[in-house]
Structure formats: structure tokens, C-alpha cells
Amino acid sequence: MFVISRCTIQLILGLTGFMALGMVSVYGSVLKITPLGSHDGEFCARDRALILEDPNGTRFLYDAGRTVAGASDPRLGKIDAVLVSHMHGDHVGNVHIEKPNAGSCAKPLTLINALPDTSSVRIAMAKGAQIITGSEMPKFFASKLKALGGNPKDARLVRFGASLNFKGVTITTVPAVHSNGIAPGMIGGELAKLLMSTGLTAYAGPPTGYILRFTNGLVVYLSGDTGITAEQESVVRKFYNAKLAVMNIGNTYTTGPKEAAFVVNKLIKPESVIASHANEAATKNGKLLGDSRTATFIKASRIPVYLPLSGRTMWFDSKGRCKKGCQ
């Protein structure tokens, strides 16, 4: 009969414990990023929304847009804070899908009207989350929260050059070159009628990007809708030293694929990039389409670029390197 000695058992237990600690060191301190797009396992035309989960469990929803199926979307789970880069409907959420996989990847069905509240506000209310934004946007969100019976103080401000510590995560906003109008449908009443009759929108100050420093030390840049800016080098890289960038590449309304490649190659120089806001059906059956602008961006980038496939969680270490789930 084969007998295992006490020393052997102790050695096995020790090795098992060492391996477990190794797994914790590899996976326990990672940032988890989960895209919430319109179609499972794909990168589609209206996809913007990301959930970013800190190693301590704090969860951020970034640019809910039109592909989160309302505040009751089961994919959301716990949300501690909502981040909104700017007030355009495809980011703050003027309409949204009823459920994933409705319509096509190129033209998802966004039939549910979220106005005048916006999806971002409804999600914050349902989840007991705060809304953290820059410029003049907190005033708008505070009024919406109050109108729905929420706490207007849950709309919090963080402006360029300042920072806010939220449950261990440091948040700041950085410049984005874009527009930031509030559509009349988000306002309602006589003011909305006046704006519509004159062809104007209200204004919520400059749009923003975000810099987030997570508790494992990883610094992430969320570009928002922007063109090329000097701050992408001087602030995002030289001051904050961002190692992971979420880069909008949709062209016409934001940086195009070649412009975005210039930004990551020459200005930010991160370890990894997640493509976003491509305004196209970039994949089919989870595979990149070779004639897409996303493919152009990936080919032009000297930095590893990953696809935000809806529902697929990506794990990043403190250096911005993908450890699991990336494609």
C-alpha cells in the first residue's frame, strides 16, 4: 500500500498555497472591463458602454449610451458610479434597446425612449449610484435626480486639473475636442420649444475625457468623443502616465482610425488600447471584419488593440497588460 508521509502532505499543501497566492497576484489585483453592447459577443455600431470594476469591487458604468437595456438590464449588476463624457444622446442615453440582440449589429433596435430623464439618470437612480462628470454637466444631472426624488448631491463635479477620490479610485477629467449640447428633448417645457424653434441646443460646457487611477495602480484614459489634442501627450501621457486607453475611432464625429492610431502611437503610448465608438458593425460571429475602420485602426497601431466584444470581460494588470479575455 502506498503511504504518503506527513512531510509530503505538508509539501503538497505548501505548494498548493503558493500556487493560490500566485493566482491572487496574477488575477486578484486586475481591473475588469466588460463591454455592454447591443449584440452578445460582437462589437457593433452603437456600442459605447463599458463597466470598469476595480480590484476592490467598485464598479463604474462609462457612457451607457443606447445599448444598455435600461436600468433593469441584468448585465449591469451593482453600479457605484456613472461616468458620462458628454451630453449627446448616444452617450448619455436618449433611447435604448429593449433587450440585447434585437435588430442587426449594424442597426440595433433602440425603440425605448429614455427622455427627458436619460438612461444615465435612470440607471443611477435604480442602482443608488452617483453620477460623476465635469464641466457644467453636474447641474443638469442634479436637477434630473431631484425631479425623480433622488439626491441632487449624488451628481458630483470633477473638473480639469482636479481629482476626486471615489471609494479608492482617483478620478479626473481631461479635455476633449468635441461639442456638448443638451438636446431640447432632455429639457422639456417652454424652454425646449424655444430651443427647437430657433434650431439651438443648450450647452453644458466642454466635453470631457476621463483619467482613472485604480487601486492596483493602473491608470486608464477614457477618450470620450475627441479629436487629436495636445493634452493627450502633455497631460494623459507625461503627467498621468496612462497605461490603458479606451479610444473612440468613429470618424466624422470623433477621431478616425488613422488619427486615433497617431494618438496612441505618438502621443499617449500606452501598453494596451481598447477600440470604442467605431460606428460600424466591426465584427461578425465575434471575428473582426477586414474591411472595417476598426481593422484599419488595429493595422495602423503599434500598440496592442483589443475588441470590446459585448459581455466578454477583459482583465488588465497594473501595467495595462491584458491577462485574460482579450481578443
C-alpha atoms as a PDB file:
ATOM      1  CA  MET A   1       0.000   0.000   0.000  1.00  0.00           C
ATOM      2  CA  PHE A   2       1.303   3.440  -0.943  1.00  0.00           C
ATOM      3  CA  VAL A   3       1.718   5.707   2.100  1.00  0.00           C
ATOM      4  CA  ILE A   4       2.130   9.473   1.922  1.00  0.00           C
ATOM      5  CA  SER A   5       4.307  10.847   4.683  1.00  0.00           C
ATOM      6  CA  ARG A   6       3.393  13.870   6.767  1.00  0.00           C
ATOM      7  CA  CYS A   7       6.278  15.804   5.215  1.00  0.00           C
ATOM      8  CA  THR A   8       4.969  15.031   1.733  1.00  0.00           C
ATOM      9  CA  ILE A   9       1.492  16.222   2.691  1.00  0.00           C
ATOM     10  CA  GLN A  10       2.923  19.426   4.128  1.00  0.00           C
ATOM     11  CA  LEU A  11       4.951  19.970   0.969  1.00  0.00           C
ATOM     12  CA  ILE A  12       1.861  19.458  -1.217  1.00  0.00           C
ATOM     13  CA  LEU A  13      -0.176  21.835   0.929  1.00  0.00           C
ATOM     14  CA  GLY A  14       2.625  24.385   0.819  1.00  0.00           C
ATOM     15  CA  LEU A  15       2.900  24.201  -2.936  1.00  0.00           C
ATOM     16  CA  THR A  16      -0.879  24.462  -3.272  1.00  0.00           C
ATOM     17  CA  GLY A  17      -0.881  27.551  -1.088  1.00  0.00           C
ATOM     18  CA  PHE A  18       1.983  29.072  -3.058  1.00  0.00           C
ATOM     19  CA  MET A  19       0.138  28.464  -6.329  1.00  0.00           C
ATOM     20  CA  ALA A  20      -3.018  30.002  -4.874  1.00  0.00           C
ATOM     21  CA  LEU A  21      -1.071  33.077  -3.839  1.00  0.00           C
ATOM     22  CA  GLY A  22       0.360  33.236  -7.342  1.00  0.00           C
ATOM     23  CA  MET A  23      -3.125  33.175  -8.806  1.00  0.00           C
ATOM     24  CA  VAL A  24      -4.129  36.003  -6.471  1.00  0.00           C
ATOM     25  CA  SER A  25      -1.106  38.039  -7.544  1.00  0.00           C
ATOM     26  CA  VAL A  26      -1.944  37.489 -11.217  1.00  0.00           C
ATOM     27  CA  TYR A  27      -5.721  37.845 -11.104  1.00  0.00           C
ATOM     28  CA  GLY A  28      -6.612  39.322  -7.720  1.00  0.00           C
ATOM     29  CA  SER A  29      -5.339  42.821  -8.500  1.00  0.00           C
ATOM     30  CA  VAL A  30      -6.707  43.179 -12.010  1.00  0.00           C
ATOM     31  CA  LEU A  31      -9.077  45.750 -13.456  1.00  0.00           C
ATOM     32  CA  LYS A  32     -12.017  44.019 -15.123  1.00  0.00           C
ATOM     33  CA  ILE A  33     -13.650  45.723 -18.116  1.00  0.00           C
ATOM     34  CA  THR A  34     -16.899  44.392 -19.550  1.00  0.00           C
ATOM     35  CA  PRO A  35     -18.492  45.957 -22.665  1.00  0.00           C
ATOM     36  CA  LEU A  36     -22.301  46.152 -22.737  1.00  0.00           C
ATOM     37  CA  GLY A  37     -23.105  46.284 -26.443  1.00  0.00           C
ATOM     38  CA  SER A  38     -26.217  45.650 -28.470  1.00  0.00           C
ATOM     39  CA  HIS A  39     -25.335  42.102 -29.569  1.00  0.00           C
ATOM     40  CA  ASP A  40     -23.693  39.359 -27.496  1.00  0.00           C
ATOM     41  CA  GLY A  41     -20.086  38.670 -28.422  1.00  0.00           C
ATOM     42  CA  GLU A  42     -19.918  41.388 -31.068  1.00  0.00           C
ATOM     43  CA  PHE A  43     -18.584  44.938 -31.496  1.00  0.00           C
ATOM     44  CA  CYS A  44     -21.490  46.815 -33.077  1.00  0.00           C
ATOM     45  CA  ALA A  45     -22.420  50.206 -34.464  1.00  0.00           C
ATOM     46  CA  ARG A  46     -23.871  51.802 -31.321  1.00  0.00           C
ATOM     47  CA  ASP A  47     -21.592  50.206 -28.738  1.00  0.00           C
ATOM     48  CA  ARG A  48     -20.054  52.600 -26.226  1.00  0.00           C
ATOM     49  CA  ALA A  49     -20.931  51.309 -22.751  1.00  0.00           C
ATOM     50  CA  LEU A  50     -18.269  49.759 -20.532  1.00  0.00           C
ATOM     51  CA  ILE A  51     -18.296  48.538 -16.940  1.00  0.00           C
ATOM     52  CA  LEU A  52     -14.963  49.032 -15.218  1.00  0.00           C
ATOM     53  CA  GLU A  53     -14.565  47.050 -11.992  1.00  0.00           C
ATOM     54  CA  ASP A  54     -11.767  47.956  -9.585  1.00  0.00           C
ATOM     55  CA  PRO A  55      -9.981  45.151  -7.711  1.00  0.00           C
ATOM     56  CA  ASN A  56     -11.814  46.323  -4.568  1.00  0.00           C
ATOM     57  CA  GLY A  57     -15.190  45.677  -6.227  1.00  0.00           C
ATOM     58  CA  THR A  58     -16.145  49.279  -7.033  1.00  0.00           C
ATOM     59  CA  ARG A  59     -17.960  49.334 -10.383  1.00  0.00           C
ATOM     60  CA  PHE A  60     -18.223  52.215 -12.852  1.00  0.00           C
ATOM     61  CA  LEU A  61     -20.544  52.469 -15.848  1.00  0.00           C
ATOM     62  CA  TYR A  62     -19.000  54.603 -18.580  1.00  0.00           C
ATOM     63  CA  ASP A  63     -21.192  56.158 -21.309  1.00  0.00           C
ATOM     64  CA  ALA A  64     -24.286  53.976 -21.004  1.00  0.00           C
ATOM     65  CA  GLY A  65     -25.457  55.190 -24.408  1.00  0.00           C
ATOM     66  CA  ARG A  66     -28.125  53.242 -26.281  1.00  0.00           C
ATOM     67  CA  THR A  67     -27.016  49.640 -25.744  1.00  0.00           C
ATOM     68  CA  VAL A  68     -27.744  49.234 -22.042  1.00  0.00           C
ATOM     69  CA  ALA A  69     -31.305  47.885 -21.894  1.00  0.00           C
ATOM     70  CA  GLY A  70     -32.467  50.377 -19.297  1.00  0.00           C
ATOM     71  CA  ALA A  71     -31.943  50.384 -15.540  1.00  0.00           C
ATOM     72  CA  SER A  72     -33.245  46.807 -15.256  1.00  0.00           C
ATOM     73  CA  ASP A  73     -30.691  45.363 -17.678  1.00  0.00           C
ATOM     74  CA  PRO A  74     -29.453  42.252 -15.798  1.00  0.00           C
ATOM     75  CA  ARG A  75     -25.983  42.714 -17.265  1.00  0.00           C
ATOM     76  CA  LEU A  76     -25.450  45.828 -15.144  1.00  0.00           C
ATOM     77  CA  GLY A  77     -25.249  44.237 -11.723  1.00  0.00           C
ATOM     78  CA  LYS A  78     -24.031  46.566  -8.994  1.00  0.00           C
ATOM     79  CA  ILE A  79     -23.116  50.052 -10.200  1.00  0.00           C
ATOM     80  CA  ASP A  80     -21.448  52.522  -7.820  1.00  0.00           C
ATOM     81  CA  ALA A  81     -20.900  55.452 -10.178  1.00  0.00           C
ATOM     82  CA  VAL A  82     -21.959  56.518 -13.653  1.00  0.00           C
ATOM     83  CA  LEU A  83     -19.483  58.421 -15.851  1.00  0.00           C
ATOM     84  CA  VAL A  84     -20.699  60.475 -18.826  1.00  0.00           C
ATOM     85  CA  SER A  85     -18.225  62.017 -21.257  1.00  0.00           C
ATOM     86  CA  HIS A  86     -20.766  64.416 -22.787  1.00  0.00           C
ATOM     87  CA  MET A  87     -24.473  65.009 -23.286  1.00  0.00           C
ATOM     88  CA  HIS A  88     -25.060  63.626 -26.773  1.00  0.00           C
ATOM     89  CA  GLY A  89     -27.815  61.022 -26.889  1.00  0.00           C
ATOM     90  CA  ASP A  90     -25.586  58.158 -27.986  1.00  0.00           C
ATOM     91  CA  HIS A  91     -23.522  58.623 -24.807  1.00  0.00           C
ATOM     92  CA  VAL A  92     -25.898  59.798 -22.092  1.00  0.00           C
ATOM     93  CA  GLY A  93     -28.723  57.644 -23.449  1.00  0.00           C
ATOM     94  CA  ASN A  94     -31.712  59.277 -25.121  1.00  0.00           C
ATOM     95  CA  VAL A  95     -33.105  55.952 -26.371  1.00  0.00           C
ATOM     96  CA  HIS A  96     -32.039  52.376 -25.730  1.00  0.00           C
ATOM     97  CA  ILE A  97     -32.514  48.763 -26.706  1.00  0.00           C
ATOM     98  CA  GLU A  98     -35.281  46.738 -25.093  1.00  0.00           C
ATOM     99  CA  LYS A  99     -33.036  43.688 -24.876  1.00  0.00           C
ATOM    100  CA  PRO A 100     -29.759  42.546 -26.434  1.00  0.00           C
ATOM    101  CA  ASN A 101     -29.632  41.077 -29.949  1.00  0.00           C
ATOM    102  CA  ALA A 102     -32.665  42.954 -31.316  1.00  0.00           C
ATOM    103  CA  GLY A 103     -32.151  44.228 -34.852  1.00  0.00           C
ATOM    104  CA  SER A 104     -28.799  43.859 -36.544  1.00  0.00           C
ATOM    105  CA  CYS A 105     -25.295  44.662 -35.370  1.00  0.00           C
ATOM    106  CA  ALA A 106     -25.204  47.491 -37.914  1.00  0.00           C
ATOM    107  CA  LYS A 107     -28.678  48.758 -36.942  1.00  0.00           C
ATOM    108  CA  PRO A 108     -29.702  47.656 -33.454  1.00  0.00           C
ATOM    109  CA  LEU A 109     -33.293  48.359 -32.435  1.00  0.00           C
ATOM    110  CA  THR A 110     -33.278  51.254 -29.975  1.00  0.00           C
ATOM    111  CA  LEU A 111     -37.014  51.685 -29.520  1.00  0.00           C
ATOM    112  CA  ILE A 112     -37.263  52.644 -25.840  1.00  0.00           C
ATOM    113  CA  ASN A 113     -37.390  56.386 -25.175  1.00  0.00           C
ATOM    114  CA  ALA A 114     -35.433  57.452 -22.077  1.00  0.00           C
ATOM    115  CA  LEU A 115     -36.250  61.164 -22.280  1.00  0.00           C
ATOM    116  CA  PRO A 116     -36.447  63.536 -20.606  1.00  0.00           C
ATOM    117  CA  ASP A 117     -34.574  61.667 -17.842  1.00  0.00           C
ATOM    118  CA  THR A 118     -31.840  59.908 -19.906  1.00  0.00           C
ATOM    119  CA  SER A 119     -30.672  56.332 -19.341  1.00  0.00           C
ATOM    120  CA  SER A 120     -27.736  57.518 -17.252  1.00  0.00           C
ATOM    121  CA  VAL A 121     -30.012  59.164 -14.699  1.00  0.00           C
ATOM    122  CA  ARG A 122     -32.469  56.265 -14.577  1.00  0.00           C
ATOM    123  CA  ILE A 123     -29.632  53.798 -14.025  1.00  0.00           C
ATOM    124  CA  ALA A 124     -28.095  55.960 -11.283  1.00  0.00           C
ATOM    125  CA  MET A 125     -31.468  56.195  -9.539  1.00  0.00           C
ATOM    126  CA  ALA A 126     -32.154  52.460  -9.764  1.00  0.00           C
ATOM    127  CA  LYS A 127     -28.678  51.486  -8.576  1.00  0.00           C
ATOM    128  CA  GLY A 128     -28.232  54.148  -5.909  1.00  0.00           C
ATOM    129  CA  ALA A 129     -25.173  55.303  -7.848  1.00  0.00           C
ATOM    130  CA  GLN A 130     -23.551  58.699  -8.110  1.00  0.00           C
ATOM    131  CA  ILE A 131     -23.040  60.486 -11.430  1.00  0.00           C
ATOM    132  CA  ILE A 132     -19.509  61.909 -11.721  1.00  0.00           C
ATOM    133  CA  THR A 133     -18.913  64.379 -14.547  1.00  0.00           C
ATOM    134  CA  GLY A 134     -17.059  67.578 -15.418  1.00  0.00           C
ATOM    135  CA  SER A 135     -17.873  70.976 -16.935  1.00  0.00           C
ATOM    136  CA  GLU A 136     -21.444  72.158 -16.268  1.00  0.00           C
ATOM    137  CA  MET A 137     -22.960  68.692 -16.568  1.00  0.00           C
ATOM    138  CA  PRO A 138     -23.440  68.036 -12.809  1.00  0.00           C
ATOM    139  CA  LYS A 139     -26.030  70.834 -12.638  1.00  0.00           C
ATOM    140  CA  PHE A 140     -28.125  69.128 -15.293  1.00  0.00           C
ATOM    141  CA  PHE A 141     -27.870  65.735 -13.614  1.00  0.00           C
ATOM    142  CA  ALA A 142     -28.614  67.191 -10.179  1.00  0.00           C
ATOM    143  CA  SER A 143     -31.881  68.657 -11.451  1.00  0.00           C
ATOM    144  CA  LYS A 144     -32.844  65.342 -13.049  1.00  0.00           C
ATOM    145  CA  LEU A 145     -32.105  63.374  -9.888  1.00  0.00           C
ATOM    146  CA  LYS A 146     -34.123  65.828  -7.797  1.00  0.00           C
ATOM    147  CA  ALA A 147     -37.081  65.640 -10.179  1.00  0.00           C
ATOM    148  CA  LEU A 148     -37.147  61.859  -9.791  1.00  0.00           C
ATOM    149  CA  GLY A 149     -36.978  62.028  -6.000  1.00  0.00           C
ATOM    150  CA  GLY A 150     -33.248  61.385  -5.770  1.00  0.00           C
ATOM    151  CA  ASN A 151     -30.490  63.300  -4.036  1.00  0.00           C
ATOM    152  CA  PRO A 152     -29.093  66.112  -6.217  1.00  0.00           C
ATOM    153  CA  LYS A 153     -25.810  65.826  -4.299  1.00  0.00           C
ATOM    154  CA  ASP A 154     -25.279  62.482  -5.998  1.00  0.00           C
ATOM    155  CA  ALA A 155     -24.340  64.475  -9.109  1.00  0.00           C
ATOM    156  CA  ARG A 156     -20.688  65.236  -8.405  1.00  0.00           C
ATOM    157  CA  LEU A 157     -18.216  67.502 -10.149  1.00  0.00           C
ATOM    158  CA  VAL A 158     -14.586  66.879 -11.064  1.00  0.00           C
ATOM    159  CA  ARG A 159     -13.004  69.496 -13.334  1.00  0.00           C
ATOM    160  CA  PHE A 160      -9.837  69.574 -15.421  1.00  0.00           C
ATOM    161  CA  GLY A 161      -6.718  69.532 -13.271  1.00  0.00           C
ATOM    162  CA  ALA A 162      -8.574  68.463 -10.141  1.00  0.00           C
ATOM    163  CA  SER A 163      -9.328  64.987  -8.845  1.00  0.00           C
ATOM    164  CA  LEU A 164     -11.912  63.138  -6.803  1.00  0.00           C
ATOM    165  CA  ASN A 165     -11.308  60.034  -4.730  1.00  0.00           C
ATOM    166  CA  PHE A 166     -14.258  57.691  -5.040  1.00  0.00           C
ATOM    167  CA  LYS A 167     -14.027  54.510  -2.981  1.00  0.00           C
ATOM    168  CA  GLY A 168     -10.272  54.351  -3.507  1.00  0.00           C
ATOM    169  CA  VAL A 169     -10.323  55.189  -7.221  1.00  0.00           C
ATOM    170  CA  THR A 170      -8.942  58.589  -8.239  1.00  0.00           C
ATOM    171  CA  ILE A 171     -10.974  60.295 -10.969  1.00  0.00           C
ATOM    172  CA  THR A 172     -10.238  63.391 -13.015  1.00  0.00           C
ATOM    173  CA  THR A 173     -11.457  64.800 -16.306  1.00  0.00           C
ATOM    174  CA  VAL A 174      -9.264  65.830 -19.223  1.00  0.00           C
ATOM    175  CA  PRO A 175     -10.015  67.956 -22.299  1.00  0.00           C
ATOM    176  CA  ALA A 176     -11.814  66.543 -25.310  1.00  0.00           C
ATOM    177  CA  VAL A 177     -12.334  68.487 -28.529  1.00  0.00           C
ATOM    178  CA  HIS A 178     -15.970  67.966 -29.454  1.00  0.00           C
ATOM    179  CA  SER A 179     -19.345  69.612 -28.737  1.00  0.00           C
ATOM    180  CA  ASN A 180     -21.586  69.188 -25.708  1.00  0.00           C
ATOM    181  CA  GLY A 181     -25.100  70.360 -26.466  1.00  0.00           C
ATOM    182  CA  ILE A 182     -28.161  69.285 -24.483  1.00  0.00           C
ATOM    183  CA  ALA A 183     -30.945  68.410 -26.916  1.00  0.00           C
ATOM    184  CA  PRO A 184     -34.348  70.039 -26.313  1.00  0.00           C
ATOM    185  CA  GLY A 185     -35.913  66.642 -25.639  1.00  0.00           C
ATOM    186  CA  MET A 186     -33.818  66.315 -22.493  1.00  0.00           C
ATOM    187  CA  ILE A 187     -35.128  69.630 -21.205  1.00  0.00           C
ATOM    188  CA  GLY A 188     -38.878  69.760 -21.886  1.00  0.00           C
ATOM    189  CA  GLY A 189     -41.301  72.617 -21.288  1.00  0.00           C
ATOM    190  CA  GLU A 190     -41.297  76.041 -22.872  1.00  0.00           C
ATOM    191  CA  LEU A 191     -37.512  76.300 -22.992  1.00  0.00           C
ATOM    192  CA  ALA A 192     -37.356  73.164 -25.119  1.00  0.00           C
ATOM    193  CA  LYS A 193     -39.937  74.620 -27.508  1.00  0.00           C
ATOM    194  CA  LEU A 194     -37.968  77.844 -27.825  1.00  0.00           C
ATOM    195  CA  LEU A 195     -34.733  75.982 -28.493  1.00  0.00           C
ATOM    196  CA  MET A 196     -36.377  73.808 -31.137  1.00  0.00           C
ATOM    197  CA  SER A 197     -37.990  76.772 -32.863  1.00  0.00           C
ATOM    198  CA  THR A 198     -34.630  78.540 -33.125  1.00  0.00           C
ATOM    199  CA  GLY A 199     -32.592  75.460 -34.024  1.00  0.00           C
ATOM    200  CA  LEU A 200     -30.447  75.737 -30.900  1.00  0.00           C
ATOM    201  CA  THR A 201     -29.339  73.389 -28.153  1.00  0.00           C
ATOM    202  CA  ALA A 202     -28.489  74.177 -24.563  1.00  0.00           C
ATOM    203  CA  TYR A 203     -24.811  73.953 -23.655  1.00  0.00           C
ATOM    204  CA  ALA A 204     -23.226  72.002 -20.819  1.00  0.00           C
ATOM    205  CA  GLY A 205     -19.663  73.293 -21.014  1.00  0.00           C
ATOM    206  CA  PRO A 206     -16.777  71.491 -22.725  1.00  0.00           C
ATOM    207  CA  PRO A 207     -16.982  67.729 -23.260  1.00  0.00           C
ATOM    208  CA  THR A 208     -14.504  65.612 -21.351  1.00  0.00           C
ATOM    209  CA  GLY A 209     -12.408  62.523 -21.283  1.00  0.00           C
ATOM    210  CA  TYR A 210     -11.541  60.761 -18.042  1.00  0.00           C
ATOM    211  CA  ILE A 211      -8.424  59.622 -16.236  1.00  0.00           C
ATOM    212  CA  LEU A 212      -8.980  56.917 -13.621  1.00  0.00           C
ATOM    213  CA  ARG A 213      -6.294  55.571 -11.299  1.00  0.00           C
ATOM    214  CA  PHE A 214      -7.451  52.254  -9.899  1.00  0.00           C
ATOM    215  CA  THR A 215      -6.357  50.728  -6.604  1.00  0.00           C
ATOM    216  CA  ASN A 216      -3.861  48.390  -8.287  1.00  0.00           C
ATOM    217  CA  GLY A 217      -2.062  51.472  -9.687  1.00  0.00           C
ATOM    218  CA  LEU A 218      -3.345  51.136 -13.256  1.00  0.00           C
ATOM    219  CA  VAL A 219      -4.116  54.477 -14.939  1.00  0.00           C
ATOM    220  CA  VAL A 220      -6.788  54.371 -17.649  1.00  0.00           C
ATOM    221  CA  TYR A 221      -7.639  57.060 -20.199  1.00  0.00           C
ATOM    222  CA  LEU A 222     -11.214  57.188 -21.485  1.00  0.00           C
ATOM    223  CA  SER A 223     -11.060  59.428 -24.544  1.00  0.00           C
ATOM    224  CA  GLY A 224     -14.737  60.306 -24.968  1.00  0.00           C
ATOM    225  CA  ASP A 225     -15.519  61.875 -28.330  1.00  0.00           C
ATOM    226  CA  THR A 226     -12.498  63.938 -29.283  1.00  0.00           C
ATOM    227  CA  GLY A 227     -10.114  64.879 -32.000  1.00  0.00           C
ATOM    228  CA  ILE A 228      -6.344  64.990 -31.585  1.00  0.00           C
ATOM    229  CA  THR A 229      -5.359  67.207 -28.649  1.00  0.00           C
ATOM    230  CA  ALA A 230      -2.026  68.381 -27.281  1.00  0.00           C
ATOM    231  CA  GLU A 231      -3.174  67.248 -23.829  1.00  0.00           C
ATOM    232  CA  GLN A 232      -3.097  63.632 -24.954  1.00  0.00           C
ATOM    233  CA  GLU A 233       0.687  63.897 -24.794  1.00  0.00           C
ATOM    234  CA  SER A 234       1.294  66.558 -22.164  1.00  0.00           C
ATOM    235  CA  VAL A 235      -1.393  65.505 -19.690  1.00  0.00           C
ATOM    236  CA  VAL A 236      -2.518  61.943 -20.430  1.00  0.00           C
ATOM    237  CA  ARG A 237       0.977  60.540 -21.027  1.00  0.00           C
ATOM    238  CA  LYS A 238       3.508  62.857 -19.419  1.00  0.00           C
ATOM    239  CA  PHE A 239       1.581  63.736 -16.274  1.00  0.00           C
ATOM    240  CA  TYR A 240      -0.792  60.828 -15.622  1.00  0.00           C
ATOM    241  CA  ASN A 241       1.211  58.134 -17.460  1.00  0.00           C
ATOM    242  CA  ALA A 242      -1.868  56.251 -18.675  1.00  0.00           C
ATOM    243  CA  LYS A 243      -1.132  52.609 -19.496  1.00  0.00           C
ATOM    244  CA  LEU A 244      -4.526  51.628 -20.923  1.00  0.00           C
ATOM    245  CA  ALA A 245      -6.523  53.774 -23.349  1.00  0.00           C
ATOM    246  CA  VAL A 246     -10.135  53.396 -24.451  1.00  0.00           C
ATOM    247  CA  MET A 247     -10.041  55.186 -27.790  1.00  0.00           C
ATOM    248  CA  ASN A 248     -13.065  56.364 -29.799  1.00  0.00           C
ATOM    249  CA  ILE A 249     -12.395  55.824 -33.513  1.00  0.00           C
ATOM    250  CA  GLY A 250     -15.714  56.510 -35.271  1.00  0.00           C
ATOM    251  CA  ASN A 251     -14.578  59.195 -37.735  1.00  0.00           C
ATOM    252  CA  THR A 252     -16.621  62.332 -38.634  1.00  0.00           C
ATOM    253  CA  TYR A 253     -17.877  62.669 -35.033  1.00  0.00           C
ATOM    254  CA  THR A 254     -14.601  61.789 -33.311  1.00  0.00           C
ATOM    255  CA  THR A 255     -11.085  60.691 -34.233  1.00  0.00           C
ATOM    256  CA  GLY A 256     -10.938  58.474 -37.295  1.00  0.00           C
ATOM    257  CA  PRO A 257      -8.961  55.222 -37.293  1.00  0.00           C
ATOM    258  CA  LYS A 258      -5.720  56.703 -38.639  1.00  0.00           C
ATOM    259  CA  GLU A 259      -5.957  59.760 -36.384  1.00  0.00           C
ATOM    260  CA  ALA A 260      -6.632  57.526 -33.377  1.00  0.00           C
ATOM    261  CA  ALA A 261      -3.622  55.383 -34.310  1.00  0.00           C
ATOM    262  CA  PHE A 262      -1.468  58.518 -34.332  1.00  0.00           C
ATOM    263  CA  VAL A 263      -2.753  59.399 -30.880  1.00  0.00           C
ATOM    264  CA  VAL A 264      -1.849  56.044 -29.345  1.00  0.00           C
ATOM    265  CA  ASN A 265       1.420  55.596 -31.289  1.00  0.00           C
ATOM    266  CA  LYS A 266       2.874  59.081 -30.872  1.00  0.00           C
ATOM    267  CA  LEU A 267       1.095  60.880 -28.038  1.00  0.00           C
ATOM    268  CA  ILE A 268      -0.205  58.522 -25.328  1.00  0.00           C
ATOM    269  CA  LYS A 269       1.970  55.436 -25.943  1.00  0.00           C
ATOM    270  CA  PRO A 270       0.028  53.120 -23.611  1.00  0.00           C
ATOM    271  CA  GLU A 271       0.616  49.420 -23.114  1.00  0.00           C
ATOM    272  CA  SER A 272      -2.823  48.468 -24.437  1.00  0.00           C
ATOM    273  CA  VAL A 273      -5.798  50.005 -26.223  1.00  0.00           C
ATOM    274  CA  ILE A 274      -9.490  49.134 -26.376  1.00  0.00           C
ATOM    275  CA  ALA A 275     -11.206  50.348 -29.537  1.00  0.00           C
ATOM    276  CA  SER A 276     -14.562  52.053 -28.988  1.00  0.00           C
ATOM    277  CA  HIS A 277     -17.290  54.048 -30.742  1.00  0.00           C
ATOM    278  CA  ALA A 278     -16.499  52.676 -34.209  1.00  0.00           C
ATOM    279  CA  ASN A 279     -19.975  53.481 -35.598  1.00  0.00           C
ATOM    280  CA  GLU A 280     -19.994  50.241 -37.580  1.00  0.00           C
ATOM    281  CA  ALA A 281     -20.594  46.544 -37.314  1.00  0.00           C
ATOM    282  CA  ALA A 282     -16.922  45.761 -36.753  1.00  0.00           C
ATOM    283  CA  THR A 283     -17.285  42.021 -36.157  1.00  0.00           C
ATOM    284  CA  LYS A 284     -19.275  39.042 -37.375  1.00  0.00           C
ATOM    285  CA  ASN A 285     -19.509  35.943 -35.184  1.00  0.00           C
ATOM    286  CA  GLY A 286     -17.026  37.657 -32.912  1.00  0.00           C
ATOM    287  CA  LYS A 287     -14.379  37.978 -35.623  1.00  0.00           C
ATOM    288  CA  LEU A 288     -13.024  41.276 -36.917  1.00  0.00           C
ATOM    289  CA  LEU A 289     -14.217  42.304 -40.370  1.00  0.00           C
ATOM    290  CA  GLY A 290     -11.199  43.048 -42.535  1.00  0.00           C
ATOM    291  CA  ASP A 291     -12.787  45.969 -44.383  1.00  0.00           C
ATOM    292  CA  SER A 292     -13.844  47.797 -41.197  1.00  0.00           C
ATOM    293  CA  ARG A 293     -12.414  51.041 -39.862  1.00  0.00           C
ATOM    294  CA  THR A 294     -11.644  49.080 -36.689  1.00  0.00           C
ATOM    295  CA  ALA A 295      -9.359  46.836 -38.760  1.00  0.00           C
ATOM    296  CA  THR A 296      -7.722  49.955 -40.218  1.00  0.00           C
ATOM    297  CA  PHE A 297      -7.107  51.268 -36.691  1.00  0.00           C
ATOM    298  CA  ILE A 298      -5.628  47.984 -35.494  1.00  0.00           C
ATOM    299  CA  LYS A 299      -3.357  47.710 -38.539  1.00  0.00           C
ATOM    300  CA  ALA A 300      -2.081  51.274 -38.095  1.00  0.00           C
ATOM    301  CA  SER A 301      -1.496  50.940 -34.341  1.00  0.00           C
ATOM    302  CA  ARG A 302       1.822  49.793 -32.954  1.00  0.00           C
ATOM    303  CA  ILE A 303       0.109  49.204 -29.607  1.00  0.00           C
ATOM    304  CA  PRO A 304      -1.923  46.026 -28.913  1.00  0.00           C
ATOM    305  CA  VAL A 305      -5.586  46.850 -29.666  1.00  0.00           C
ATOM    306  CA  TYR A 306      -8.419  44.783 -28.216  1.00  0.00           C
ATOM    307  CA  LEU A 307     -12.027  44.479 -29.347  1.00  0.00           C
ATOM    308  CA  PRO A 308     -14.826  45.308 -26.875  1.00  0.00           C
ATOM    309  CA  LEU A 309     -16.956  42.235 -27.548  1.00  0.00           C
ATOM    310  CA  SER A 310     -20.231  42.621 -25.692  1.00  0.00           C
ATOM    311  CA  GLY A 311     -20.398  40.598 -22.499  1.00  0.00           C
ATOM    312  CA  ARG A 312     -16.761  39.432 -22.689  1.00  0.00           C
ATOM    313  CA  THR A 313     -14.768  40.578 -19.660  1.00  0.00           C
ATOM    314  CA  MET A 314     -11.162  41.687 -20.174  1.00  0.00           C
ATOM    315  CA  TRP A 315      -8.663  41.591 -17.274  1.00  0.00           C
ATOM    316  CA  PHE A 316      -5.803  44.106 -17.074  1.00  0.00           C
ATOM    317  CA  ASP A 317      -2.900  44.207 -14.641  1.00  0.00           C
ATOM    318  CA  SER A 318      -1.321  47.289 -13.072  1.00  0.00           C
ATOM    319  CA  LYS A 319       0.862  47.855 -16.165  1.00  0.00           C
ATOM    320  CA  GLY A 320      -2.072  47.841 -18.571  1.00  0.00           C
ATOM    321  CA  ARG A 321      -1.288  44.408 -19.967  1.00  0.00           C
ATOM    322  CA  CYS A 322      -4.214  42.162 -20.777  1.00  0.00           C
ATOM    323  CA  LYS A 323      -4.060  38.959 -18.723  1.00  0.00           C
ATOM    324  CA  LYS A 324      -7.320  37.322 -19.754  1.00  0.00           C
ATOM    325  CA  GLY A 325     -10.328  37.647 -22.049  1.00  0.00           C
ATOM    326  CA  CYS A 326      -8.874  39.900 -24.759  1.00  0.00           C
ATOM    327  CA  GLN A 327      -9.224  39.475 -28.480  1.00  0.00           C
END
